[in-house]
Amino acid sequence: MPVIKSAKKKLRQDKKRTIANKKLKELLKKAIKNASKKIDEKNFREAVSIVDKAAKKNIIHKNKASHLKSALAKKLSGKSPKATTSTKTTKTIKKKKKVTKK
């Protein structure tokens, strides 16, 4: 346990922030799950709003927020993510001629 007055205050603040962050994270998970199951404009907008709030408060990284919004937008528009197939390109290897000097 903290002894110093400022450390006690910091502990109180951390507890409050932890509770608020957990609530937002749970809300985020529920919104994404709801939007994924039943995708429509209302659920999409609600989920995007919550994702943006979580990214703003550093609950999730901004790139993860972008990834989540993109995935939801694809589901909303009816597109399914395509599996990328790699095609092997054949490279022609030219043999160098050995030049001998006399």
Protein backbone atom coordinates (compact mmCIF):
# COMPACT_ATOMS: atom_id res chain seq x y z
CA MET A 1 0.00 0.00 0.00
CA PRO A 2 1.18 3.49 -0.75
CA VAL A 3 2.34 5.66 2.13
CA ILE A 4 2.77 9.03 0.47
CA LYS A 5 -0.33 11.18 0.00
CA SER A 6 0.21 11.65 -3.75
CA ALA A 7 0.68 7.89 -4.21
CA LYS A 8 -2.63 7.25 -2.42
CA LYS A 9 -4.38 9.70 -4.72
CA LYS A 10 -2.78 8.06 -7.77
CA LEU A 11 -4.06 4.67 -6.62
CA ARG A 12 -7.60 6.05 -6.30
CA GLN A 13 -7.38 7.57 -9.79
CA ASP A 14 -6.04 4.34 -11.28
CA LYS A 15 -8.92 2.33 -9.81
CA LYS A 16 -11.49 4.72 -11.30
CA ARG A 17 -9.78 4.71 -14.68
CA THR A 18 -9.50 0.92 -14.71
CA ILE A 19 -13.24 0.57 -14.12
CA ALA A 20 -14.06 3.09 -16.86
CA ASN A 21 -11.67 1.41 -19.30
CA LYS A 22 -13.16 -2.03 -18.62
CA LYS A 23 -16.68 -0.72 -19.23
CA LEU A 24 -15.64 0.82 -22.54
CA LYS A 25 -13.80 -2.33 -23.62
CA GLU A 26 -16.83 -4.52 -22.83
CA LEU A 27 -19.10 -2.09 -24.67
CA LEU A 28 -16.72 -2.22 -27.63
CA LYS A 29 -16.78 -6.03 -27.73
CA LYS A 30 -20.58 -6.13 -27.53
CA ALA A 31 -20.99 -3.52 -30.26
CA ILE A 32 -18.64 -5.32 -32.65
CA LYS A 33 -20.27 -8.67 -31.95
CA ASN A 34 -23.74 -7.18 -32.47
CA ALA A 35 -22.70 -5.43 -35.67
CA SER A 36 -21.06 -8.60 -37.01
CA LYS A 37 -24.10 -10.77 -36.36
CA LYS A 38 -26.76 -8.40 -37.61
CA ILE A 39 -25.11 -5.95 -39.96
CA ASP A 40 -27.17 -2.90 -40.82
CA GLU A 41 -26.57 0.83 -40.99
CA LYS A 42 -27.60 1.53 -37.38
CA ASN A 43 -25.42 -1.17 -35.83
CA PHE A 44 -22.53 -0.21 -38.08
CA ARG A 45 -22.64 3.47 -37.07
CA GLU A 46 -22.91 2.59 -33.39
CA ALA A 47 -19.96 0.18 -33.56
CA VAL A 48 -17.80 2.67 -35.49
CA SER A 49 -18.58 5.37 -32.94
CA ILE A 50 -17.55 3.15 -30.04
CA VAL A 51 -14.42 1.99 -31.85
CA ASP A 52 -13.39 5.61 -32.43
CA LYS A 53 -13.97 6.48 -28.76
CA ALA A 54 -11.89 3.51 -27.63
CA ALA A 55 -9.06 4.49 -29.97
CA LYS A 56 -9.21 8.11 -28.78
CA LYS A 57 -8.88 7.01 -25.15
CA ASN A 58 -6.05 4.58 -26.03
CA ILE A 59 -8.05 1.51 -25.08
CA ILE A 60 -7.15 0.07 -28.48
CA HIS A 61 -4.51 1.15 -30.98
CA LYS A 62 -5.59 3.48 -33.79
CA ASN A 63 -4.54 0.94 -36.43
CA LYS A 64 -6.66 -1.74 -34.79
CA ALA A 65 -9.59 0.67 -34.81
CA SER A 66 -9.05 1.24 -38.51
CA HIS A 67 -8.86 -2.51 -39.11
CA LEU A 68 -12.11 -3.13 -37.23
CA LYS A 69 -13.97 -0.35 -39.06
CA SER A 70 -12.74 -1.63 -42.40
CA ALA A 71 -13.89 -5.17 -41.64
CA LEU A 72 -17.32 -3.94 -40.59
CA ALA A 73 -17.61 -1.77 -43.70
CA LYS A 74 -16.82 -4.76 -45.91
CA LYS A 75 -19.54 -6.78 -44.21
CA LEU A 76 -21.99 -3.92 -44.60
CA SER A 77 -21.32 -3.55 -48.30
CA GLY A 78 -21.70 -7.28 -48.83
CA LYS A 79 -18.16 -7.94 -49.88
CA SER A 80 -16.40 -10.93 -48.50
CA PRO A 81 -12.66 -10.68 -48.08
CA LYS A 82 -10.99 -12.61 -50.86
CA ALA A 83 -8.20 -15.03 -50.17
CA THR A 84 -5.11 -13.94 -51.98
CA THR A 85 -3.43 -16.54 -54.07
CA SER A 86 0.17 -16.07 -54.83
CA THR A 87 1.26 -16.68 -58.38
CA LYS A 88 4.77 -17.72 -58.95
CA THR A 89 6.53 -15.60 -61.46
CA THR A 90 9.13 -17.30 -63.51
CA LYS A 91 12.30 -15.44 -63.83
CA THR A 92 14.61 -16.10 -66.67
CA ILE A 93 18.14 -16.37 -65.57
CA LYS A 94 20.66 -15.29 -68.09
CA LYS A 95 23.96 -16.99 -67.95
CA LYS A 96 26.92 -14.73 -68.19
CA LYS A 97 29.50 -15.68 -70.71
CA LYS A 98 32.99 -16.01 -69.44
CA VAL A 99 35.35 -13.75 -71.26
CA THR A 100 38.95 -14.85 -71.29
CA LYS A 101 41.61 -12.32 -71.97
CA LYS A 102 44.75 -13.30 -73.83
